[in-house]
Amino acid sequence: MTRSTLPLSDQMMELIARRFRVLGELQRLRILQVLDLGEQSVGNIVDAVSGNQSNISRHLQALYDVGLISRRREGSSILYSIADPIIFKLCSLVCRSAADQAKQTLSLVATQRKYTRKATQ
C-alpha cells in the first residue's frame, strides 16, 4: 500500500489480511517454493516438504482459497501450480528487508562488543 494507492475497502483489506495470515505458516512457504519449480502433484509436494498427505492437503486448500495457487485434475491426480506469481516478488521484498535488518543487528552487536572490550581493558 503506497501513498498513491486509493483507500482500500474493508473487503479488500480483509482479503489482504487473509493472504498474509496464510503466508504466516512455514510449511506453506515451503510448498510455494516447491511449486516455484513448476506444477506438482500432491504426492510430489508431500515428498519434497517431508510432510504427511492430510496436513499438506489442508495447507494446499488454504493457499488455494486465497488465490495463491491453482489446481487441475489429470486422471486420478490433482496437480497444483502457482496462480499468482506476484507472491514471489512479495517474498523477495520480505527476504531483502529481513536481510537488511539482520545486517543492522549484526553491526550493532559488533559495535557493542568493540566498546565492551575497550571498557574492560
Protein backbone atom coordinates (compact mmCIF):
# COMPACT_ATOMS: atom_id res chain seq x y z
CA MET A 1 0.00 0.00 0.00
CA THR A 2 1.74 3.11 -1.22
CA ARG A 3 0.67 6.69 -0.87
CA SER A 4 -0.61 6.61 -4.44
CA THR A 5 -2.94 3.70 -3.65
CA LEU A 6 -6.56 4.64 -3.33
CA PRO A 7 -8.19 3.94 0.04
CA LEU A 8 -8.99 0.25 0.30
CA SER A 9 -12.42 -1.06 1.14
CA ASP A 10 -12.91 -3.20 4.22
CA GLN A 11 -13.46 -6.24 1.96
CA MET A 12 -10.16 -5.64 0.16
CA MET A 13 -8.28 -5.18 3.44
CA GLU A 14 -9.80 -8.45 4.71
CA LEU A 15 -8.62 -10.26 1.56
CA ILE A 16 -5.11 -8.86 2.03
CA ALA A 17 -5.13 -9.83 5.71
CA ARG A 18 -6.24 -13.38 4.81
CA ARG A 19 -3.36 -13.73 2.35
CA PHE A 20 -0.83 -12.56 4.93
CA ARG A 21 -2.26 -14.94 7.54
CA VAL A 22 -1.96 -17.82 5.07
CA LEU A 23 1.64 -16.87 4.35
CA GLY A 24 2.46 -16.84 8.05
CA GLU A 25 2.83 -20.63 8.10
CA LEU A 26 6.30 -22.05 7.40
CA GLN A 27 5.04 -25.24 5.71
CA ARG A 28 3.01 -23.16 3.24
CA LEU A 29 6.11 -21.19 2.29
CA ARG A 30 7.90 -24.49 1.68
CA ILE A 31 5.02 -25.60 -0.55
CA LEU A 32 5.26 -22.37 -2.55
CA GLN A 33 8.99 -22.96 -3.04
CA VAL A 34 8.24 -26.43 -4.43
CA LEU A 35 5.58 -25.02 -6.74
CA ASP A 36 8.01 -22.39 -7.97
CA LEU A 37 9.71 -25.28 -9.77
CA GLY A 38 6.51 -25.96 -11.72
CA GLU A 39 3.26 -27.85 -11.48
CA GLN A 40 3.35 -30.65 -8.90
CA SER A 41 1.14 -33.47 -7.67
CA VAL A 42 0.18 -33.70 -4.00
CA GLY A 43 2.46 -36.72 -3.65
CA ASN A 44 5.45 -34.82 -5.03
CA ILE A 45 4.76 -31.90 -2.71
CA VAL A 46 4.43 -34.23 0.30
CA ASP A 47 7.78 -35.83 -0.53
CA ALA A 48 9.52 -32.53 -1.20
CA VAL A 49 8.49 -30.91 2.10
CA SER A 50 8.64 -34.11 4.17
CA GLY A 51 5.06 -33.77 5.33
CA ASN A 52 2.06 -36.04 5.59
CA GLN A 53 -0.65 -36.01 2.97
CA SER A 54 -3.57 -34.84 5.11
CA ASN A 55 -1.58 -31.95 6.56
CA ILE A 56 -0.21 -30.89 3.17
CA SER A 57 -3.69 -31.13 1.65
CA ARG A 58 -5.01 -28.70 4.29
CA HIS A 59 -2.17 -26.27 3.53
CA LEU A 60 -2.84 -26.57 -0.20
CA GLN A 61 -6.52 -25.83 0.39
CA ALA A 62 -5.64 -22.71 2.39
CA LEU A 63 -3.32 -21.48 -0.38
CA TYR A 64 -5.99 -22.24 -2.97
CA ASP A 65 -8.73 -20.48 -1.00
CA VAL A 66 -6.84 -17.16 -1.10
CA GLY A 67 -5.97 -17.50 -4.79
CA LEU A 68 -2.23 -18.07 -4.48
CA ILE A 69 -2.27 -21.49 -6.15
CA SER A 70 -4.44 -23.20 -8.73
CA ARG A 71 -5.24 -26.85 -9.26
CA ARG A 72 -6.38 -29.11 -12.03
CA ARG A 73 -7.28 -32.74 -12.29
CA GLU A 74 -5.32 -35.05 -14.55
CA GLY A 75 -6.69 -38.57 -14.38
CA SER A 76 -6.79 -39.54 -10.72
CA SER A 77 -4.20 -36.90 -9.72
CA ILE A 78 -4.66 -33.29 -8.74
CA LEU A 79 -1.86 -31.02 -9.91
CA TYR A 80 -1.07 -27.73 -8.21
CA SER A 81 0.67 -24.67 -9.60
CA ILE A 82 1.23 -21.02 -8.75
CA ALA A 83 -1.80 -18.91 -9.65
CA ASP A 84 -0.38 -15.56 -8.60
CA PRO A 85 3.36 -15.26 -9.35
CA ILE A 86 3.48 -11.86 -7.66
CA ILE A 87 3.82 -13.84 -4.43
CA PHE A 88 7.50 -14.41 -5.23
CA LYS A 89 8.09 -10.67 -5.58
CA LEU A 90 6.48 -10.19 -2.19
CA CYS A 91 8.66 -12.93 -0.68
CA SER A 92 11.74 -11.34 -2.26
CA LEU A 93 10.89 -7.96 -0.73
CA VAL A 94 10.37 -9.52 2.68
CA CYS A 95 13.62 -11.51 2.40
CA ARG A 96 15.56 -8.42 1.39
CA SER A 97 14.10 -6.44 4.27
CA ALA A 98 14.88 -9.25 6.74
CA ALA A 99 18.46 -9.48 5.43
CA ASP A 100 18.92 -5.73 5.81
CA GLN A 101 17.57 -5.86 9.35
CA ALA A 102 19.88 -8.79 10.19
CA LYS A 103 22.89 -6.83 8.86
CA GLN A 104 21.95 -3.86 11.02
CA THR A 105 21.57 -6.08 14.06
CA LEU A 106 24.95 -7.74 13.43
CA SER A 107 26.56 -4.35 13.01
CA LEU A 108 25.12 -3.16 16.32
CA VAL A 109 26.30 -6.34 18.05
CA ALA A 110 29.81 -5.91 16.61
CA THR A 111 29.90 -2.27 17.73
CA GLN A 112 28.66 -3.25 21.19
CA ARG A 113 31.38 -5.92 21.51
CA LYS A 114 34.02 -3.45 20.39
CA TYR A 115 33.04 -0.94 23.09
CA THR A 116 32.67 -3.68 25.72
CA ARG A 117 36.24 -4.89 25.02
CA LYS A 118 37.61 -1.35 25.29
CA ALA A 119 35.79 -0.78 28.58
CA THR A 120 37.19 -3.98 30.12
CA GLN A 121 40.80 -3.31 29.10
